[in-house]
Amino acid sequence: MDASFGENGAVEEDADDYDYAAQVKVLVDGSIAMAGTSGDGPPGAFDMAVWKYNGDGSRQTAFGNNGIAQPVIPGYSAMIYGMDVQADGHIVVCGQARTPSNQNYFMAARLVNDLSNGIVDAPSINEIRLFPNPCVSGEWVTLQTGAPVRNEAVLRMHAADGRLINQWGAAQHRIANDGMVLQLPVGLAPGAYTISLEQGTERHVASLLIP
């Protein structure tokens, strides 16, 4: 999306097929950063996107390509759900990386000179196969880890901005041979969440979408 602030502060844009803004921040120098997703949209290709504007609403054309930076994770489509700015001015984003076969991974990246640096290597993450996904608040979901879940395992659910939503002991839930069945909290707001399962030195992670 190419955009700038027009008359009366309205945004003028030349949109792609799929543009999604997840968060906006005003930086200490008065510039404005907006993070989200841009591209063809599911099931087509899409990537994370960060737009930057000057304090007067005009595009900061020196940032990225004419005001937009679009880091790419080869082989994945990526969506940003959260953004923050470090004290040194570098932009940090997090969200979801999706394979062509619709496998979803947690993703985090830092923009350095408008390029991504330190993107999580998605294939290195132990995957939880979680279904149904997307699902609704309060629904029962099945987590398949591919390995036995022990009673001492701990489950944590985080929002896209890193807030801890809930924490459970695995013994509180039904355990299957290669995973477990979990009831999601009631009253979850729409958005992206991360569920992690930790036992010993093992850590399994899955992303979850509440539409």
N, C-alpha and C. Protein backbone atom coordinates (compact mmCIF):
# COMPACT_ATOMS: atom_id res chain seq x y z
N MET A 1 0.85 -1.18 0.00
CA MET A 1 0.00 0.00 0.00
C MET A 1 0.88 1.23 0.00
N ASP A 2 0.80 2.04 -1.03
CA ASP A 2 1.45 3.34 -1.03
C ASP A 2 0.44 4.34 -0.49
N ALA A 3 0.81 5.05 0.57
CA ALA A 3 -0.17 5.92 1.21
C ALA A 3 0.49 7.17 1.76
N SER A 4 -0.29 8.24 1.83
CA SER A 4 0.13 9.46 2.51
C SER A 4 -1.11 10.13 3.07
N PHE A 5 -0.92 11.06 4.00
CA PHE A 5 -2.04 11.73 4.62
C PHE A 5 -2.51 12.85 3.71
N GLY A 6 -3.77 12.82 3.32
CA GLY A 6 -4.32 13.83 2.43
C GLY A 6 -5.04 14.92 3.20
N GLU A 7 -6.09 15.46 2.58
CA GLU A 7 -6.84 16.54 3.21
C GLU A 7 -7.50 16.07 4.48
N ASN A 8 -7.51 16.91 5.50
CA ASN A 8 -8.15 16.63 6.78
C ASN A 8 -7.59 15.37 7.43
N GLY A 9 -6.35 14.99 7.09
CA GLY A 9 -5.72 13.85 7.74
C GLY A 9 -6.10 12.50 7.17
N ALA A 10 -6.92 12.47 6.12
CA ALA A 10 -7.34 11.19 5.56
C ALA A 10 -6.17 10.53 4.84
N VAL A 11 -6.14 9.21 4.85
CA VAL A 11 -5.07 8.48 4.18
C VAL A 11 -5.44 8.25 2.72
N GLU A 12 -4.52 8.67 1.83
CA GLU A 12 -4.70 8.41 0.40
C GLU A 12 -3.82 7.22 0.06
N GLU A 13 -4.36 6.21 -0.61
CA GLU A 13 -3.60 5.00 -0.83
C GLU A 13 -3.84 4.40 -2.20
N ASP A 14 -2.82 3.69 -2.65
CA ASP A 14 -2.91 2.89 -3.86
C ASP A 14 -2.69 1.46 -3.43
N ALA A 15 -3.76 0.75 -3.12
CA ALA A 15 -3.68 -0.52 -2.39
C ALA A 15 -3.37 -1.71 -3.28
N ASP A 16 -2.63 -2.69 -2.70
CA ASP A 16 -2.50 -4.00 -3.31
C ASP A 16 -3.79 -4.76 -3.05
N ASP A 17 -3.83 -6.02 -3.51
CA ASP A 17 -5.03 -6.82 -3.29
C ASP A 17 -5.26 -7.08 -1.81
N TYR A 18 -4.17 -7.13 -1.03
CA TYR A 18 -4.29 -7.49 0.38
C TYR A 18 -3.35 -6.62 1.20
N ASP A 19 -3.90 -5.67 1.95
CA ASP A 19 -3.13 -4.82 2.84
C ASP A 19 -3.78 -4.86 4.21
N TYR A 20 -2.96 -5.08 5.23
CA TYR A 20 -3.49 -5.22 6.59
C TYR A 20 -2.55 -4.50 7.54
N ALA A 21 -3.04 -3.53 8.28
CA ALA A 21 -2.25 -2.81 9.28
C ALA A 21 -2.58 -3.35 10.66
N ALA A 22 -1.55 -3.79 11.39
CA ALA A 22 -1.77 -4.39 12.71
C ALA A 22 -1.49 -3.42 13.84
N GLN A 23 -0.51 -2.52 13.64
CA GLN A 23 -0.13 -1.64 14.74
C GLN A 23 0.55 -0.38 14.20
N VAL A 24 0.42 0.72 14.94
CA VAL A 24 1.06 1.98 14.54
C VAL A 24 1.76 2.56 15.76
N LYS A 25 2.93 3.16 15.54
CA LYS A 25 3.71 3.75 16.63
C LYS A 25 4.20 5.13 16.20
N VAL A 26 4.23 6.07 17.14
CA VAL A 26 4.86 7.36 16.92
C VAL A 26 6.25 7.30 17.54
N LEU A 27 7.29 7.51 16.73
CA LEU A 27 8.66 7.41 17.19
C LEU A 27 9.11 8.70 17.86
N VAL A 28 10.24 8.63 18.58
CA VAL A 28 10.69 9.78 19.36
C VAL A 28 11.01 10.99 18.49
N ASP A 29 11.35 10.75 17.21
CA ASP A 29 11.66 11.88 16.32
C ASP A 29 10.41 12.45 15.66
N GLY A 30 9.23 11.94 16.05
CA GLY A 30 7.98 12.43 15.50
C GLY A 30 7.50 11.70 14.27
N SER A 31 8.33 10.80 13.71
CA SER A 31 7.90 10.02 12.55
C SER A 31 6.94 8.93 13.00
N ILE A 32 6.24 8.36 12.03
CA ILE A 32 5.18 7.39 12.31
C ILE A 32 5.51 6.08 11.61
N ALA A 33 5.47 4.97 12.34
CA ALA A 33 5.69 3.64 11.76
C ALA A 33 4.41 2.83 11.87
N MET A 34 4.07 2.13 10.81
CA MET A 34 2.88 1.28 10.77
C MET A 34 3.29 -0.10 10.25
N ALA A 35 2.90 -1.15 10.94
CA ALA A 35 3.33 -2.50 10.57
C ALA A 35 2.12 -3.38 10.29
N GLY A 36 2.28 -4.29 9.32
CA GLY A 36 1.21 -5.21 8.97
C GLY A 36 1.64 -6.17 7.89
N THR A 37 0.78 -6.34 6.89
CA THR A 37 0.99 -7.33 5.84
C THR A 37 0.56 -6.75 4.51
N SER A 38 1.26 -7.13 3.44
CA SER A 38 0.90 -6.65 2.11
C SER A 38 1.21 -7.73 1.07
N GLY A 39 0.38 -7.83 0.06
CA GLY A 39 0.60 -8.82 -1.00
C GLY A 39 -0.70 -9.22 -1.66
N ASP A 40 -0.71 -10.44 -2.21
CA ASP A 40 -1.91 -10.95 -2.87
C ASP A 40 -2.95 -11.41 -1.87
N GLY A 41 -2.50 -11.84 -0.67
CA GLY A 41 -3.42 -12.36 0.34
C GLY A 41 -3.64 -13.84 0.20
N PRO A 42 -4.04 -14.50 1.32
CA PRO A 42 -4.29 -15.95 1.29
C PRO A 42 -5.34 -16.29 0.24
N PRO A 43 -5.16 -17.39 -0.55
CA PRO A 43 -4.05 -18.34 -0.46
C PRO A 43 -2.83 -17.94 -1.29
N GLY A 44 -2.78 -16.72 -1.79
CA GLY A 44 -1.65 -16.26 -2.58
C GLY A 44 -0.48 -15.86 -1.71
N ALA A 45 0.49 -15.18 -2.30
CA ALA A 45 1.70 -14.79 -1.58
C ALA A 45 1.48 -13.46 -0.87
N PHE A 46 2.05 -13.34 0.32
CA PHE A 46 2.00 -12.09 1.07
C PHE A 46 3.21 -12.06 2.00
N ASP A 47 3.63 -10.86 2.38
CA ASP A 47 4.80 -10.69 3.24
C ASP A 47 4.54 -9.62 4.27
N MET A 48 5.35 -9.65 5.33
CA MET A 48 5.27 -8.58 6.32
C MET A 48 5.65 -7.25 5.68
N ALA A 49 5.10 -6.19 6.22
CA ALA A 49 5.35 -4.87 5.65
C ALA A 49 5.38 -3.83 6.77
N VAL A 50 6.32 -2.89 6.66
CA VAL A 50 6.39 -1.77 7.58
C VAL A 50 6.41 -0.49 6.75
N TRP A 51 5.46 0.40 7.03
CA TRP A 51 5.39 1.69 6.35
C TRP A 51 5.88 2.78 7.31
N LYS A 52 6.49 3.83 6.77
CA LYS A 52 6.97 4.91 7.63
C LYS A 52 6.61 6.26 7.03
N TYR A 53 6.16 7.18 7.89
CA TYR A 53 5.73 8.51 7.49
C TYR A 53 6.46 9.56 8.29
N ASN A 54 6.61 10.74 7.70
CA ASN A 54 7.12 11.89 8.44
C ASN A 54 6.04 12.41 9.38
N GLY A 55 6.43 13.28 10.29
CA GLY A 55 5.47 13.80 11.25
C GLY A 55 4.31 14.53 10.62
N ASP A 56 4.49 15.09 9.40
CA ASP A 56 3.40 15.80 8.74
C ASP A 56 2.50 14.87 7.93
N GLY A 57 2.79 13.56 7.99
CA GLY A 57 1.95 12.58 7.29
C GLY A 57 2.44 12.20 5.92
N SER A 58 3.47 12.87 5.41
CA SER A 58 4.01 12.49 4.10
C SER A 58 4.86 11.24 4.24
N ARG A 59 4.97 10.48 3.15
CA ARG A 59 5.77 9.26 3.19
C ARG A 59 7.24 9.57 3.40
N GLN A 60 7.92 8.78 4.21
CA GLN A 60 9.35 8.92 4.42
C GLN A 60 10.04 8.08 3.35
N THR A 61 10.24 8.69 2.19
CA THR A 61 10.66 7.94 1.00
C THR A 61 12.04 7.31 1.13
N ALA A 62 12.87 7.80 2.07
CA ALA A 62 14.19 7.22 2.26
C ALA A 62 14.12 5.88 3.00
N PHE A 63 12.97 5.57 3.57
CA PHE A 63 12.78 4.32 4.31
C PHE A 63 12.35 3.22 3.35
N GLY A 64 13.11 2.11 3.31
CA GLY A 64 12.75 0.98 2.45
C GLY A 64 12.66 1.40 1.00
N ASN A 65 11.58 0.99 0.33
CA ASN A 65 11.33 1.33 -1.06
C ASN A 65 10.17 2.31 -1.11
N ASN A 66 10.52 3.61 -1.19
CA ASN A 66 9.50 4.66 -1.24
C ASN A 66 8.57 4.63 -0.03
N GLY A 67 9.17 4.36 1.15
CA GLY A 67 8.40 4.42 2.38
C GLY A 67 7.90 3.11 2.92
N ILE A 68 8.20 2.00 2.26
CA ILE A 68 7.75 0.70 2.73
C ILE A 68 8.91 -0.29 2.71
N ALA A 69 9.09 -1.02 3.82
CA ALA A 69 10.08 -2.10 3.91
C ALA A 69 9.33 -3.42 3.97
N GLN A 70 9.71 -4.36 3.11
CA GLN A 70 9.05 -5.67 3.07
C GLN A 70 10.08 -6.80 3.17
N PRO A 71 10.55 -7.13 4.38
CA PRO A 71 11.46 -8.26 4.53
C PRO A 71 10.79 -9.55 4.09
N VAL A 72 11.56 -10.45 3.50
CA VAL A 72 11.03 -11.71 2.97
C VAL A 72 11.72 -12.88 3.66
N ILE A 73 10.95 -13.87 4.08
CA ILE A 73 11.49 -15.15 4.56
C ILE A 73 11.33 -16.13 3.41
N PRO A 74 12.40 -16.55 2.75
CA PRO A 74 12.27 -17.45 1.58
C PRO A 74 11.46 -18.70 1.89
N GLY A 75 10.47 -18.97 1.05
CA GLY A 75 9.65 -20.16 1.22
C GLY A 75 8.47 -19.99 2.15
N TYR A 76 8.31 -18.79 2.72
CA TYR A 76 7.22 -18.55 3.66
C TYR A 76 6.47 -17.27 3.28
N SER A 77 5.18 -17.24 3.61
CA SER A 77 4.43 -15.99 3.63
C SER A 77 4.37 -15.54 5.08
N ALA A 78 4.48 -14.25 5.32
CA ALA A 78 4.57 -13.77 6.70
C ALA A 78 3.59 -12.65 6.96
N MET A 79 3.06 -12.62 8.18
CA MET A 79 2.13 -11.59 8.61
C MET A 79 2.62 -11.01 9.93
N ILE A 80 2.57 -9.68 10.07
CA ILE A 80 2.94 -9.02 11.32
C ILE A 80 1.68 -8.78 12.15
N TYR A 81 1.76 -9.13 13.44
CA TYR A 81 0.66 -8.88 14.37
C TYR A 81 1.05 -7.92 15.49
N GLY A 82 2.35 -7.72 15.70
CA GLY A 82 2.79 -6.83 16.77
C GLY A 82 4.06 -6.10 16.38
N MET A 83 4.27 -4.91 16.93
CA MET A 83 5.45 -4.11 16.62
C MET A 83 5.84 -3.29 17.84
N ASP A 84 7.15 -3.11 18.03
CA ASP A 84 7.64 -2.19 19.04
C ASP A 84 8.93 -1.56 18.52
N VAL A 85 9.39 -0.52 19.19
CA VAL A 85 10.59 0.21 18.77
C VAL A 85 11.59 0.20 19.91
N GLN A 86 12.81 -0.24 19.64
CA GLN A 86 13.85 -0.26 20.64
C GLN A 86 14.36 1.15 20.93
N ALA A 87 15.13 1.26 22.02
CA ALA A 87 15.68 2.57 22.39
C ALA A 87 16.60 3.13 21.32
N ASP A 88 17.25 2.23 20.53
CA ASP A 88 18.14 2.69 19.47
C ASP A 88 17.40 3.02 18.18
N GLY A 89 16.06 2.92 18.19
CA GLY A 89 15.25 3.27 17.03
C GLY A 89 14.95 2.13 16.10
N HIS A 90 15.55 0.96 16.30
CA HIS A 90 15.28 -0.18 15.44
C HIS A 90 13.87 -0.73 15.71
N ILE A 91 13.20 -1.11 14.65
CA ILE A 91 11.83 -1.60 14.73
C ILE A 91 11.85 -3.12 14.88
N VAL A 92 11.10 -3.63 15.86
CA VAL A 92 10.99 -5.06 16.11
C VAL A 92 9.55 -5.49 15.82
N VAL A 93 9.38 -6.57 15.07
CA VAL A 93 8.04 -7.04 14.72
C VAL A 93 7.93 -8.52 15.07
N CYS A 94 6.70 -8.98 15.24
CA CYS A 94 6.45 -10.40 15.46
C CYS A 94 5.14 -10.77 14.79
N GLY A 95 4.99 -12.05 14.52
CA GLY A 95 3.77 -12.50 13.86
C GLY A 95 3.84 -13.95 13.46
N GLN A 96 3.41 -14.24 12.25
CA GLN A 96 3.23 -15.61 11.79
C GLN A 96 3.91 -15.81 10.44
N ALA A 97 4.62 -16.93 10.32
CA ALA A 97 5.19 -17.35 9.03
C ALA A 97 4.48 -18.63 8.60
N ARG A 98 4.02 -18.66 7.36
CA ARG A 98 3.19 -19.78 6.87
C ARG A 98 3.83 -20.43 5.65
N THR A 99 3.87 -21.77 5.64
CA THR A 99 4.41 -22.51 4.51
C THR A 99 3.32 -22.67 3.45
N PRO A 100 3.69 -23.06 2.21
CA PRO A 100 2.67 -23.30 1.19
C PRO A 100 1.69 -24.39 1.56
N SER A 101 2.08 -25.31 2.47
CA SER A 101 1.16 -26.37 2.91
C SER A 101 0.37 -25.96 4.14
N ASN A 102 0.41 -24.65 4.47
CA ASN A 102 -0.39 -24.07 5.55
C ASN A 102 0.08 -24.49 6.94
N GLN A 103 1.38 -24.74 7.10
CA GLN A 103 1.96 -24.94 8.42
C GLN A 103 2.38 -23.58 8.95
N ASN A 104 2.01 -23.27 10.18
CA ASN A 104 2.22 -21.94 10.74
C ASN A 104 3.28 -21.96 11.83
N TYR A 105 4.14 -20.93 11.83
CA TYR A 105 5.20 -20.80 12.81
C TYR A 105 5.20 -19.39 13.39
N PHE A 106 5.68 -19.28 14.64
CA PHE A 106 5.90 -17.97 15.23
C PHE A 106 7.09 -17.30 14.53
N MET A 107 7.00 -16.00 14.29
CA MET A 107 8.05 -15.27 13.59
C MET A 107 8.35 -13.98 14.35
N ALA A 108 9.66 -13.66 14.46
CA ALA A 108 10.07 -12.38 15.03
C ALA A 108 11.23 -11.85 14.20
N ALA A 109 11.29 -10.53 14.04
CA ALA A 109 12.36 -9.93 13.22
C ALA A 109 12.66 -8.52 13.73
N ARG A 110 13.87 -8.07 13.46
CA ARG A 110 14.26 -6.69 13.76
C ARG A 110 14.72 -6.04 12.47
N LEU A 111 14.28 -4.81 12.23
CA LEU A 111 14.68 -4.08 11.04
C LEU A 111 15.94 -3.27 11.34
N VAL A 112 16.98 -3.51 10.56
CA VAL A 112 18.23 -2.77 10.67
C VAL A 112 18.52 -2.18 9.30
N ASN A 113 18.57 -0.85 9.22
CA ASN A 113 18.72 -0.18 7.92
C ASN A 113 17.64 -0.62 6.95
N ASP A 114 16.42 -0.77 7.49
CA ASP A 114 15.23 -1.13 6.72
C ASP A 114 15.25 -2.58 6.23
N LEU A 115 16.23 -3.39 6.66
CA LEU A 115 16.28 -4.79 6.27
C LEU A 115 16.08 -5.66 7.50
N SER A 116 15.61 -6.87 7.30
CA SER A 116 15.36 -7.75 8.43
C SER A 116 16.66 -8.36 8.92
N ASN A 117 16.76 -8.50 10.24
CA ASN A 117 17.95 -9.09 10.84
C ASN A 117 17.50 -9.91 12.04
N GLY A 118 17.94 -11.14 12.11
CA GLY A 118 17.58 -11.97 13.26
C GLY A 118 16.21 -12.59 13.14
N ILE A 119 15.73 -12.85 11.93
CA ILE A 119 14.45 -13.54 11.76
C ILE A 119 14.58 -14.95 12.32
N VAL A 120 13.61 -15.36 13.11
CA VAL A 120 13.63 -16.71 13.66
C VAL A 120 13.66 -17.73 12.54
N ASP A 121 14.54 -18.70 12.63
CA ASP A 121 14.63 -19.76 11.64
C ASP A 121 13.49 -20.72 11.88
N ALA A 122 12.40 -20.55 11.16
CA ALA A 122 11.18 -21.31 11.43
C ALA A 122 11.37 -22.82 11.45
N PRO A 123 12.14 -23.42 10.50
CA PRO A 123 12.27 -24.86 10.53
C PRO A 123 12.95 -25.39 11.78
N SER A 124 13.67 -24.54 12.55
CA SER A 124 14.35 -25.02 13.73
C SER A 124 13.43 -25.12 14.94
N ILE A 125 12.21 -24.60 14.81
CA ILE A 125 11.27 -24.63 15.92
C ILE A 125 10.56 -25.97 15.95
N ASN A 126 10.47 -26.58 17.14
CA ASN A 126 9.69 -27.79 17.28
C ASN A 126 8.22 -27.44 17.09
N GLU A 127 7.58 -28.11 16.18
CA GLU A 127 6.22 -27.73 15.78
C GLU A 127 5.16 -28.49 16.54
N ILE A 128 4.14 -27.78 16.96
CA ILE A 128 2.90 -28.38 17.42
C ILE A 128 1.90 -28.31 16.28
N ARG A 129 1.34 -29.41 15.91
CA ARG A 129 0.24 -29.40 14.94
C ARG A 129 -1.04 -29.19 15.74
N LEU A 130 -1.67 -28.06 15.47
CA LEU A 130 -2.81 -27.63 16.26
C LEU A 130 -4.04 -27.52 15.36
N PHE A 131 -5.12 -28.13 15.76
CA PHE A 131 -6.35 -28.03 14.97
C PHE A 131 -7.56 -28.18 15.88
N PRO A 132 -8.71 -27.57 15.50
CA PRO A 132 -8.87 -26.70 14.32
C PRO A 132 -8.13 -25.39 14.50
N ASN A 133 -7.76 -24.77 13.40
CA ASN A 133 -7.04 -23.50 13.41
C ASN A 133 -7.26 -22.82 12.06
N PRO A 134 -7.97 -21.69 12.03
CA PRO A 134 -8.47 -20.86 13.12
C PRO A 134 -9.56 -21.57 13.93
N CYS A 135 -9.81 -21.05 15.12
CA CYS A 135 -10.86 -21.61 15.96
C CYS A 135 -11.48 -20.46 16.77
N VAL A 136 -12.44 -20.81 17.62
CA VAL A 136 -13.15 -19.77 18.37
C VAL A 136 -12.80 -19.86 19.84
N SER A 137 -13.02 -18.76 20.54
CA SER A 137 -12.77 -18.69 21.97
C SER A 137 -13.56 -19.77 22.70
N GLY A 138 -12.93 -20.45 23.65
CA GLY A 138 -13.59 -21.49 24.43
C GLY A 138 -13.65 -22.85 23.77
N GLU A 139 -13.16 -22.97 22.54
CA GLU A 139 -13.23 -24.24 21.81
C GLU A 139 -12.15 -25.21 22.28
N TRP A 140 -12.42 -26.51 22.13
CA TRP A 140 -11.42 -27.53 22.39
C TRP A 140 -10.54 -27.68 21.16
N VAL A 141 -9.22 -27.68 21.38
CA VAL A 141 -8.27 -27.87 20.28
C VAL A 141 -7.36 -29.05 20.61
N THR A 142 -6.86 -29.68 19.58
CA THR A 142 -5.94 -30.81 19.73
C THR A 142 -4.53 -30.37 19.36
N LEU A 143 -3.57 -30.66 20.23
CA LEU A 143 -2.17 -30.34 19.99
C LEU A 143 -1.42 -31.65 19.79
N GLN A 144 -0.82 -31.82 18.63
CA GLN A 144 -0.04 -33.01 18.34
C GLN A 144 1.44 -32.62 18.31
N THR A 145 2.23 -33.15 19.25
CA THR A 145 3.64 -32.81 19.35
C THR A 145 4.53 -33.83 18.66
N GLY A 146 3.99 -35.02 18.36
CA GLY A 146 4.81 -36.08 17.78
C GLY A 146 5.66 -36.80 18.80
N ALA A 147 5.52 -36.43 20.07
CA ALA A 147 6.25 -37.06 21.17
C ALA A 147 5.36 -37.06 22.40
N PRO A 148 5.57 -38.00 23.33
CA PRO A 148 4.72 -38.05 24.53
C PRO A 148 4.79 -36.76 25.34
N VAL A 149 3.65 -36.36 25.89
CA VAL A 149 3.59 -35.19 26.77
C VAL A 149 3.57 -35.69 28.22
N ARG A 150 4.53 -35.20 29.01
CA ARG A 150 4.62 -35.64 30.40
C ARG A 150 3.77 -34.75 31.31
N ASN A 151 3.38 -35.31 32.46
CA ASN A 151 2.51 -34.57 33.37
C ASN A 151 3.13 -33.28 33.87
N GLU A 152 4.48 -33.21 33.92
CA GLU A 152 5.14 -32.01 34.43
C GLU A 152 5.27 -30.91 33.38
N ALA A 153 4.84 -31.18 32.15
CA ALA A 153 4.94 -30.17 31.08
C ALA A 153 4.10 -28.94 31.43
N VAL A 154 4.54 -27.79 30.94
CA VAL A 154 3.85 -26.51 31.18
C VAL A 154 3.41 -25.93 29.84
N LEU A 155 2.17 -25.46 29.79
CA LEU A 155 1.61 -24.80 28.61
C LEU A 155 1.46 -23.31 28.89
N ARG A 156 1.84 -22.49 27.90
CA ARG A 156 1.64 -21.05 28.02
C ARG A 156 1.01 -20.52 26.75
N MET A 157 0.13 -19.54 26.93
CA MET A 157 -0.52 -18.90 25.79
C MET A 157 -0.21 -17.41 25.85
N HIS A 158 0.38 -16.87 24.76
CA HIS A 158 0.74 -15.46 24.69
C HIS A 158 -0.02 -14.78 23.56
N ALA A 159 -0.32 -13.50 23.74
CA ALA A 159 -0.87 -12.67 22.67
C ALA A 159 0.25 -12.25 21.74
N ALA A 160 -0.11 -11.65 20.60
CA ALA A 160 0.90 -11.25 19.61
C ALA A 160 1.85 -10.20 20.15
N ASP A 161 1.42 -9.41 21.14
CA ASP A 161 2.29 -8.38 21.71
C ASP A 161 3.13 -8.90 22.87
N GLY A 162 3.10 -10.23 23.10
CA GLY A 162 3.93 -10.84 24.13
C GLY A 162 3.25 -11.01 25.47
N ARG A 163 2.05 -10.50 25.68
CA ARG A 163 1.35 -10.65 26.96
C ARG A 163 1.02 -12.11 27.23
N LEU A 164 1.26 -12.55 28.47
CA LEU A 164 0.88 -13.90 28.88
C LEU A 164 -0.63 -13.92 29.11
N ILE A 165 -1.35 -14.74 28.34
CA ILE A 165 -2.81 -14.83 28.46
C ILE A 165 -3.20 -15.86 29.51
N ASN A 166 -2.51 -17.00 29.49
CA ASN A 166 -2.85 -18.07 30.44
C ASN A 166 -1.68 -19.03 30.55
N GLN A 167 -1.65 -19.79 31.63
CA GLN A 167 -0.62 -20.80 31.85
C GLN A 167 -1.26 -21.99 32.55
N TRP A 168 -0.93 -23.18 32.09
CA TRP A 168 -1.50 -24.39 32.65
C TRP A 168 -0.42 -25.45 32.85
N GLY A 169 -0.67 -26.36 33.77
CA GLY A 169 0.11 -27.58 33.85
C GLY A 169 -0.54 -28.62 32.95
N ALA A 170 0.27 -29.39 32.25
CA ALA A 170 -0.28 -30.35 31.31
C ALA A 170 -1.19 -31.35 31.99
N ALA A 171 -0.93 -31.63 33.28
CA ALA A 171 -1.74 -32.61 34.00
C ALA A 171 -3.19 -32.15 34.16
N GLN A 172 -3.44 -30.83 33.95
CA GLN A 172 -4.81 -30.31 34.06
C GLN A 172 -5.66 -30.68 32.85
N HIS A 173 -5.05 -31.22 31.80
CA HIS A 173 -5.77 -31.45 30.55
C HIS A 173 -5.61 -32.89 30.09
N ARG A 174 -6.47 -33.29 29.18
CA ARG A 174 -6.43 -34.65 28.67
C ARG A 174 -5.18 -34.86 27.83
N ILE A 175 -4.40 -35.89 28.17
CA ILE A 175 -3.16 -36.17 27.46
C ILE A 175 -3.34 -37.38 26.57
N ALA A 176 -2.99 -37.23 25.30
CA ALA A 176 -3.02 -38.34 24.35
C ALA A 176 -1.60 -38.87 24.18
N ASN A 177 -1.46 -39.93 23.36
CA ASN A 177 -0.14 -40.56 23.20
C ASN A 177 0.88 -39.61 22.60
N ASP A 178 0.47 -38.79 21.63
CA ASP A 178 1.42 -37.91 20.96
C ASP A 178 1.04 -36.44 21.08
N GLY A 179 0.32 -36.10 22.14
CA GLY A 179 -0.10 -34.72 22.31
C GLY A 179 -1.14 -34.59 23.39
N MET A 180 -1.99 -33.58 23.26
CA MET A 180 -3.01 -33.37 24.28
C MET A 180 -4.18 -32.57 23.72
N VAL A 181 -5.26 -32.56 24.49
CA VAL A 181 -6.47 -31.82 24.13
C VAL A 181 -6.64 -30.70 25.15
N LEU A 182 -6.84 -29.49 24.65
CA LEU A 182 -6.86 -28.30 25.49
C LEU A 182 -8.08 -27.46 25.17
N GLN A 183 -8.75 -26.95 26.21
CA GLN A 183 -9.85 -26.01 26.00
C GLN A 183 -9.32 -24.59 26.12
N LEU A 184 -9.54 -23.79 25.08
CA LEU A 184 -9.07 -22.40 25.09
C LEU A 184 -9.88 -21.57 26.08
N PRO A 185 -9.27 -20.50 26.61
CA PRO A 185 -10.02 -19.62 27.51
C PRO A 185 -11.23 -19.00 26.81
N VAL A 186 -12.24 -18.71 27.58
CA VAL A 186 -13.43 -18.03 27.07
C VAL A 186 -13.16 -16.53 27.04
N GLY A 187 -13.68 -15.84 26.03
CA GLY A 187 -13.57 -14.40 25.97
C GLY A 187 -12.31 -13.88 25.29
N LEU A 188 -11.63 -14.74 24.51
CA LEU A 188 -10.43 -14.28 23.80
C LEU A 188 -10.81 -13.27 22.72
N ALA A 189 -10.07 -12.19 22.63
CA ALA A 189 -10.30 -11.21 21.57
C ALA A 189 -9.78 -11.75 20.25
N PRO A 190 -10.37 -11.36 19.13
CA PRO A 190 -9.84 -11.79 17.82
C PRO A 190 -8.38 -11.37 17.66
N GLY A 191 -7.58 -12.24 17.06
CA GLY A 191 -6.17 -11.93 16.86
C GLY A 191 -5.33 -13.19 16.80
N ALA A 192 -4.02 -12.99 16.81
CA ALA A 192 -3.06 -14.10 16.74
C ALA A 192 -2.49 -14.37 18.13
N TYR A 193 -2.34 -15.64 18.44
CA TYR A 193 -1.81 -16.07 19.72
C TYR A 193 -0.74 -17.14 19.49
N THR A 194 0.10 -17.33 20.50
CA THR A 194 1.11 -18.37 20.46
C THR A 194 0.90 -19.30 21.64
N ILE A 195 0.91 -20.61 21.36
CA ILE A 195 0.83 -21.61 22.42
C ILE A 195 2.15 -22.36 22.45
N SER A 196 2.78 -22.40 23.62
CA SER A 196 4.04 -23.13 23.76
C SER A 196 3.89 -24.21 24.81
N LEU A 197 4.57 -25.33 24.58
CA LEU A 197 4.59 -26.44 25.51
C LEU A 197 6.04 -26.72 25.87
N GLU A 198 6.37 -26.67 27.15
CA GLU A 198 7.74 -26.85 27.60
C GLU A 198 7.81 -28.02 28.57
N GLN A 199 8.76 -28.91 28.33
CA GLN A 199 9.02 -30.02 29.25
C GLN A 199 10.50 -30.37 29.16
N GLY A 200 11.19 -30.23 30.30
CA GLY A 200 12.63 -30.44 30.29
C GLY A 200 13.31 -29.44 29.37
N THR A 201 14.14 -29.93 28.47
CA THR A 201 14.83 -29.06 27.50
C THR A 201 14.04 -28.90 26.21
N GLU A 202 12.87 -29.53 26.10
CA GLU A 202 12.07 -29.46 24.89
C GLU A 202 11.15 -28.25 24.93
N ARG A 203 10.97 -27.62 23.77
CA ARG A 203 10.01 -26.52 23.64
C ARG A 203 9.31 -26.65 22.30
N HIS A 204 7.99 -26.73 22.34
CA HIS A 204 7.17 -26.85 21.14
C HIS A 204 6.29 -25.61 21.04
N VAL A 205 6.13 -25.07 19.83
CA VAL A 205 5.41 -23.81 19.65
C VAL A 205 4.43 -23.94 18.49
N ALA A 206 3.27 -23.33 18.65
CA ALA A 206 2.28 -23.25 17.56
C ALA A 206 1.63 -21.88 17.59
N SER A 207 1.26 -21.37 16.43
CA SER A 207 0.49 -20.13 16.35
C SER A 207 -0.98 -20.48 16.17
N LEU A 208 -1.83 -19.63 16.71
CA LEU A 208 -3.27 -19.86 16.73
C LEU A 208 -3.96 -18.56 16.33
N LEU A 209 -4.98 -18.66 15.50
CA LEU A 209 -5.71 -17.49 15.04
C LEU A 209 -7.14 -17.55 15.50
N ILE A 210 -7.59 -16.49 16.18
CA ILE A 210 -9.00 -16.32 16.55
C ILE A 210 -9.59 -15.26 15.63
N PRO A 211 -10.44 -15.62 14.67
CA PRO A 211 -10.96 -14.63 13.71
C PRO A 211 -12.00 -13.70 14.35
